[in-house]
N, C-alpha and C. Protein backbone atom coordinates (compact mmCIF):
# COMPACT_ATOMS: atom_id res chain seq x y z
N UNK A 1 12.33 -19.04 -17.38
CA UNK A 1 11.25 -18.27 -17.49
C UNK A 1 9.79 -19.01 -17.76
N UNK A 2 8.37 -18.75 -17.05
CA UNK A 2 7.77 -19.20 -17.44
C UNK A 2 6.90 -18.70 -18.76
N UNK A 3 5.84 -19.32 -19.15
CA UNK A 3 4.68 -18.56 -20.09
C UNK A 3 3.52 -17.87 -19.43
N UNK A 4 3.24 -16.79 -19.80
CA UNK A 4 2.30 -15.82 -18.76
C UNK A 4 1.06 -16.72 -18.71
N UNK A 5 0.57 -17.09 -17.64
CA UNK A 5 -1.10 -17.67 -17.30
C UNK A 5 -2.06 -17.06 -17.89
N UNK A 6 -1.97 -15.60 -17.64
CA UNK A 6 -3.24 -14.87 -17.96
C UNK A 6 -2.53 -13.19 -17.94
N UNK A 7 -3.88 -12.21 -18.31
CA UNK A 7 -3.64 -10.85 -17.96
C UNK A 7 -3.14 -10.66 -16.49
N UNK A 8 -4.25 -11.22 -15.53
CA UNK A 8 -4.45 -10.94 -14.02
C UNK A 8 -4.69 -12.17 -13.29
N UNK A 9 -3.80 -12.09 -12.46
CA UNK A 9 -3.91 -13.46 -11.40
C UNK A 9 -4.72 -13.01 -9.77
N UNK A 10 -5.41 -14.15 -9.57
CA UNK A 10 -6.44 -13.49 -8.40
C UNK A 10 -5.88 -14.43 -7.33
N UNK A 11 -5.58 -13.82 -6.20
CA UNK A 11 -4.88 -14.55 -5.12
C UNK A 11 -5.74 -14.79 -3.66
N UNK A 12 -6.67 -13.99 -3.63
CA UNK A 12 -7.55 -13.88 -2.54
C UNK A 12 -8.88 -13.17 -2.81
N UNK A 13 -9.66 -13.67 -1.63
CA UNK A 13 -10.95 -12.79 -2.13
C UNK A 13 -11.86 -12.08 -1.00
N UNK A 14 -12.59 -11.19 -1.13
CA UNK A 14 -13.80 -10.65 -0.05
C UNK A 14 -15.07 -10.80 -0.40
N UNK A 15 -15.66 -11.68 0.34
CA UNK A 15 -17.11 -11.87 0.07
C UNK A 15 -18.20 -10.94 0.66
N UNK A 16 -19.12 -10.65 0.15
CA UNK A 16 -19.98 -9.88 1.05
C UNK A 16 -20.71 -10.69 2.32
N UNK A 17 -21.41 -10.06 3.23
CA UNK A 17 -22.01 -11.06 4.88
C UNK A 17 -22.43 -12.33 4.03
N UNK A 18 -23.18 -12.68 3.02
CA UNK A 18 -24.17 -13.30 2.58
C UNK A 18 -23.20 -14.32 1.92
N UNK A 19 -22.00 -14.29 1.47
CA UNK A 19 -21.18 -14.91 0.72
C UNK A 19 -21.56 -15.33 -0.49
N UNK A 20 -22.39 -14.27 -1.36
CA UNK A 20 -22.89 -14.69 -2.53
C UNK A 20 -22.14 -13.93 -3.49
N UNK A 21 -21.70 -12.72 -3.07
CA UNK A 21 -21.07 -11.90 -3.97
C UNK A 21 -19.82 -11.41 -3.68
N UNK A 22 -18.60 -11.48 -4.47
CA UNK A 22 -17.38 -10.91 -4.15
C UNK A 22 -17.33 -9.47 -4.35
N UNK A 23 -16.99 -9.14 -3.35
CA UNK A 23 -16.73 -7.24 -2.93
C UNK A 23 -15.53 -6.91 -3.72
N UNK A 24 -14.18 -7.62 -3.59
CA UNK A 24 -13.02 -7.55 -3.72
C UNK A 24 -12.25 -8.46 -4.18
N UNK A 25 -11.27 -8.22 -4.94
CA UNK A 25 -10.17 -9.34 -5.03
C UNK A 25 -8.75 -8.85 -4.76
N UNK A 26 -7.79 -9.78 -4.46
CA UNK A 26 -6.63 -9.22 -4.67
C UNK A 26 -5.71 -10.00 -6.18
N UNK A 27 -5.61 -9.04 -6.70
CA UNK A 27 -4.75 -8.98 -7.94
C UNK A 27 -3.68 -9.12 -8.16
N UNK A 28 -2.75 -9.74 -9.00
CA UNK A 28 -1.53 -9.47 -9.57
C UNK A 28 -1.31 -9.36 -11.01
N UNK A 29 -0.49 -8.73 -11.29
CA UNK A 29 -0.24 -8.67 -12.80
C UNK A 29 0.85 -9.83 -12.99
N UNK A 30 0.45 -10.56 -14.40
CA UNK A 30 1.40 -11.74 -14.61
C UNK A 30 2.35 -11.29 -15.35
N UNK A 31 3.82 -11.33 -14.84
CA UNK A 31 4.59 -10.73 -15.40
C UNK A 31 5.65 -11.53 -16.16
N UNK A 32 5.13 -12.75 -16.48
CA UNK A 32 5.54 -13.83 -16.84
C UNK A 32 6.65 -14.80 -16.05
N UNK A 33 7.95 -14.58 -15.63
CA UNK A 33 8.35 -15.01 -14.85
C UNK A 33 8.47 -14.97 -13.28
N UNK A 34 7.45 -13.60 -13.24
CA UNK A 34 7.26 -13.37 -11.73
C UNK A 34 5.71 -13.17 -11.56
N UNK A 35 5.45 -12.71 -10.42
CA UNK A 35 3.61 -12.33 -9.87
C UNK A 35 3.97 -11.01 -9.36
N UNK A 36 3.31 -9.82 -10.02
CA UNK A 36 3.55 -8.60 -9.88
C UNK A 36 3.11 -8.56 -8.06
N UNK A 37 3.13 -7.40 -7.85
CA UNK A 37 2.46 -6.90 -6.55
C UNK A 37 1.11 -6.75 -6.09
N UNK A 38 0.49 -7.10 -4.85
CA UNK A 38 -0.99 -7.23 -4.67
C UNK A 38 -1.74 -5.74 -4.90
N UNK A 39 -2.69 -5.63 -5.82
CA UNK A 39 -3.49 -4.80 -5.73
C UNK A 39 -4.86 -5.15 -5.47
N UNK A 40 -5.71 -4.33 -4.58
CA UNK A 40 -7.01 -4.88 -4.63
C UNK A 40 -8.11 -3.82 -5.65
N UNK A 41 -8.75 -4.58 -6.26
CA UNK A 41 -9.81 -4.20 -7.37
C UNK A 41 -11.34 -4.87 -7.15
N UNK A 42 -12.33 -3.89 -7.16
CA UNK A 42 -13.94 -4.28 -7.11
C UNK A 42 -14.05 -5.22 -8.11
N UNK A 43 -15.08 -6.24 -7.54
CA UNK A 43 -15.33 -7.06 -8.62
C UNK A 43 -16.35 -6.62 -9.88
N UNK A 44 -16.64 -5.28 -9.90
CA UNK A 44 -17.16 -5.00 -11.35
C UNK A 44 -16.04 -4.49 -11.75
N UNK A 45 -14.99 -4.18 -11.31
CA UNK A 45 -13.67 -4.02 -12.56
C UNK A 45 -13.27 -5.41 -12.97
N UNK A 46 -13.19 -6.34 -12.38
CA UNK A 46 -12.85 -7.66 -13.10
C UNK A 46 -13.82 -7.95 -13.94
N UNK A 47 -15.26 -7.85 -13.74
CA UNK A 47 -16.18 -8.30 -14.73
C UNK A 47 -15.98 -7.21 -15.66
N UNK A 48 -15.91 -5.84 -15.65
CA UNK A 48 -15.83 -5.06 -16.76
C UNK A 48 -14.16 -5.42 -17.66
N UNK A 49 -13.34 -5.89 -17.23
CA UNK A 49 -11.89 -6.27 -17.51
C UNK A 49 -12.11 -7.65 -18.50
N UNK A 50 -13.03 -8.68 -17.75
CA UNK A 50 -13.25 -9.97 -18.40
C UNK A 50 -13.67 -9.39 -19.59
N UNK A 51 -14.64 -8.66 -19.70
CA UNK A 51 -15.44 -8.62 -20.96
C UNK A 51 -14.98 -7.50 -22.00
N UNK A 52 -14.15 -6.76 -21.46
CA UNK A 52 -13.05 -6.24 -22.37
C UNK A 52 -11.91 -6.92 -23.23
N UNK A 53 -11.70 -8.21 -22.64
CA UNK A 53 -11.02 -9.07 -23.45
C UNK A 53 -9.82 -9.50 -22.54
N UNK A 54 -9.85 -9.05 -21.24
CA UNK A 54 -8.45 -9.52 -20.61
C UNK A 54 -8.63 -10.77 -20.01
N UNK A 55 -7.91 -11.41 -19.69
CA UNK A 55 -8.06 -12.76 -18.83
C UNK A 55 -7.53 -12.76 -17.22
N UNK A 56 -8.26 -13.37 -16.98
CA UNK A 56 -7.46 -13.76 -15.26
C UNK A 56 -8.01 -15.25 -15.04
N UNK A 57 -6.81 -15.68 -13.94
CA UNK A 57 -6.74 -17.25 -13.40
C UNK A 57 -6.43 -17.11 -11.94
N UNK A 58 -7.04 -17.57 -11.10
CA UNK A 58 -6.74 -18.15 -9.85
C UNK A 58 -5.11 -18.50 -9.71
N UNK A 59 -4.67 -18.14 -8.43
CA UNK A 59 -3.31 -18.65 -8.13
C UNK A 59 -3.31 -18.89 -6.63
N UNK A 60 -2.69 -19.84 -6.35
CA UNK A 60 -2.37 -20.30 -4.75
C UNK A 60 -0.99 -20.42 -4.62
N UNK A 61 -0.49 -20.10 -3.57
CA UNK A 61 0.68 -19.85 -2.89
C UNK A 61 1.06 -21.54 -2.28
N UNK A 62 2.29 -22.24 -3.03
CA UNK A 62 2.56 -23.87 -2.42
C UNK A 62 3.19 -23.74 -1.22
N UNK A 63 3.40 -24.57 -0.51
CA UNK A 63 4.15 -24.55 0.89
C UNK A 63 5.79 -24.03 0.59
N UNK A 64 5.86 -24.13 -0.46
CA UNK A 64 7.73 -23.66 -0.95
C UNK A 64 7.63 -22.37 -1.28
N UNK A 65 6.48 -21.35 -1.15
CA UNK A 65 6.39 -20.23 -1.17
C UNK A 65 6.04 -19.92 -2.74
N UNK A 66 6.24 -20.88 -3.99
CA UNK A 66 5.97 -20.67 -5.35
C UNK A 66 4.13 -20.36 -5.51
N UNK A 67 4.26 -19.85 -6.33
CA UNK A 67 2.91 -19.53 -6.83
C UNK A 67 2.21 -21.04 -7.82
N UNK A 68 1.09 -21.56 -7.77
CA UNK A 68 0.33 -22.62 -8.65
C UNK A 68 -0.52 -21.68 -9.51
N UNK A 69 -0.89 -22.18 -10.56
CA UNK A 69 -2.18 -21.69 -11.37
C UNK A 69 -3.36 -22.49 -11.15
N UNK A 70 -4.30 -21.47 -10.91
CA UNK A 70 -5.66 -22.33 -10.56
C UNK A 70 -6.41 -22.56 -11.88
N UNK A 71 -7.82 -22.07 -11.91
CA UNK A 71 -8.60 -21.96 -12.84
C UNK A 71 -8.83 -20.95 -13.48
N UNK A 72 -8.88 -20.85 -14.93
CA UNK A 72 -9.77 -19.44 -15.37
C UNK A 72 -10.78 -18.78 -14.86
N UNK A 73 -10.93 -17.79 -15.13
CA UNK A 73 -12.29 -17.02 -14.33
C UNK A 73 -12.90 -16.68 -15.21
N UNK A 74 -14.14 -16.49 -15.42
CA UNK A 74 -14.92 -16.14 -16.65
C UNK A 74 -16.45 -15.31 -15.90
N UNK A 75 -17.08 -14.56 -16.68
CA UNK A 75 -18.55 -13.87 -16.48
C UNK A 75 -19.33 -15.04 -16.70
N UNK A 76 -20.38 -15.33 -15.75
CA UNK A 76 -21.53 -16.12 -16.04
C UNK A 76 -22.51 -14.97 -15.59
N UNK A 77 -23.61 -15.20 -16.75
CA UNK A 77 -24.87 -14.27 -16.36
C UNK A 77 -26.04 -15.13 -15.80
N UNK A 78 -26.84 -14.84 -14.79
CA UNK A 78 -27.77 -15.57 -14.39
C UNK A 78 -28.81 -14.68 -14.14
N UNK A 79 -29.95 -14.76 -14.62
CA UNK A 79 -30.98 -13.86 -14.74
C UNK A 79 -30.68 -12.39 -14.87
N UNK A 80 -30.02 -11.97 -15.68
CA UNK A 80 -29.78 -10.92 -15.82
C UNK A 80 -28.67 -10.27 -14.82
N UNK A 81 -27.84 -10.94 -14.04
CA UNK A 81 -26.82 -10.67 -13.14
C UNK A 81 -25.58 -11.04 -13.35
N UNK A 82 -24.37 -10.53 -13.50
CA UNK A 82 -23.34 -10.98 -13.90
C UNK A 82 -22.56 -11.46 -12.66
N UNK A 83 -21.80 -12.84 -12.75
CA UNK A 83 -21.30 -13.29 -11.65
C UNK A 83 -19.66 -13.54 -12.38
N UNK A 84 -18.76 -13.72 -11.02
CA UNK A 84 -17.63 -14.22 -11.58
C UNK A 84 -17.14 -15.51 -11.27
N UNK A 85 -16.72 -16.65 -11.82
CA UNK A 85 -16.78 -17.92 -11.53
C UNK A 85 -15.91 -18.57 -12.40
N UNK A 86 -15.08 -19.78 -11.78
CA UNK A 86 -14.09 -20.31 -12.06
C UNK A 86 -14.60 -21.87 -13.01
N UNK A 87 -16.25 -21.89 -12.76
CA UNK A 87 -17.00 -22.84 -13.49
C UNK A 87 -18.10 -22.16 -14.19
N UNK A 88 -18.28 -22.82 -15.23
CA UNK A 88 -19.30 -22.44 -15.91
C UNK A 88 -21.24 -22.72 -15.11
N UNK A 89 -21.17 -22.86 -14.14
CA UNK A 89 -22.27 -23.35 -13.44
C UNK A 89 -23.11 -22.20 -13.45
N UNK A 90 -24.18 -22.34 -13.31
CA UNK A 90 -25.18 -21.39 -13.64
C UNK A 90 -26.20 -20.84 -12.32
N UNK A 91 -25.57 -21.01 -11.26
CA UNK A 91 -25.73 -20.86 -9.80
C UNK A 91 -25.58 -19.65 -9.52
N UNK A 92 -26.47 -18.90 -8.97
CA UNK A 92 -26.43 -17.30 -9.03
C UNK A 92 -25.53 -16.67 -7.82
N UNK A 93 -24.35 -16.94 -7.74
CA UNK A 93 -23.54 -16.44 -6.84
C UNK A 93 -21.78 -16.43 -7.38
N UNK A 94 -21.26 -15.67 -6.96
CA UNK A 94 -19.85 -15.64 -7.51
C UNK A 94 -19.12 -16.69 -6.66
N UNK A 95 -17.91 -17.51 -7.30
CA UNK A 95 -17.21 -18.67 -7.06
C UNK A 95 -16.02 -18.53 -7.67
N UNK A 96 -15.05 -18.42 -6.81
CA UNK A 96 -13.68 -18.56 -7.50
C UNK A 96 -13.13 -19.49 -6.66
N UNK A 97 -13.60 -20.64 -6.18
CA UNK A 97 -13.06 -21.94 -5.45
C UNK A 97 -12.49 -21.48 -4.11
N UNK A 98 -11.39 -22.20 -3.96
CA UNK A 98 -11.18 -22.14 -2.10
C UNK A 98 -9.91 -20.97 -2.19
N UNK A 99 -10.01 -19.85 -2.66
CA UNK A 99 -9.50 -18.88 -2.29
C UNK A 99 -9.32 -18.39 -0.95
N UNK A 100 -8.10 -18.04 -0.32
CA UNK A 100 -7.95 -17.49 0.83
C UNK A 100 -8.73 -16.35 0.90
N UNK A 101 -9.38 -15.78 1.69
CA UNK A 101 -10.45 -14.64 2.17
C UNK A 101 -9.49 -13.60 2.84
N UNK A 102 -9.67 -12.56 2.83
CA UNK A 102 -9.05 -11.20 3.44
C UNK A 102 -10.16 -10.25 3.77
């Protein structure tokens, strides 16, 4: 049994046409020893939950089918707009690394 990585795990993203804002993410509950089934949630919900104290990390599926922990997700505010990012860069766009697109 492994220690939980976060409250929620993000495995894929859907960006807007300009690739600057995430519209939805594929998220899973972190059940400790397993990853819960995927749900699609809006970017605004991710921001609300992060600001409410919940934690998110990205996950990537390995070639053997197991999940690997990625980076912690945070909210970064740039010129009054909130973005979700895996780094603290103040670029005015969402960035969750190289997660698969859906």
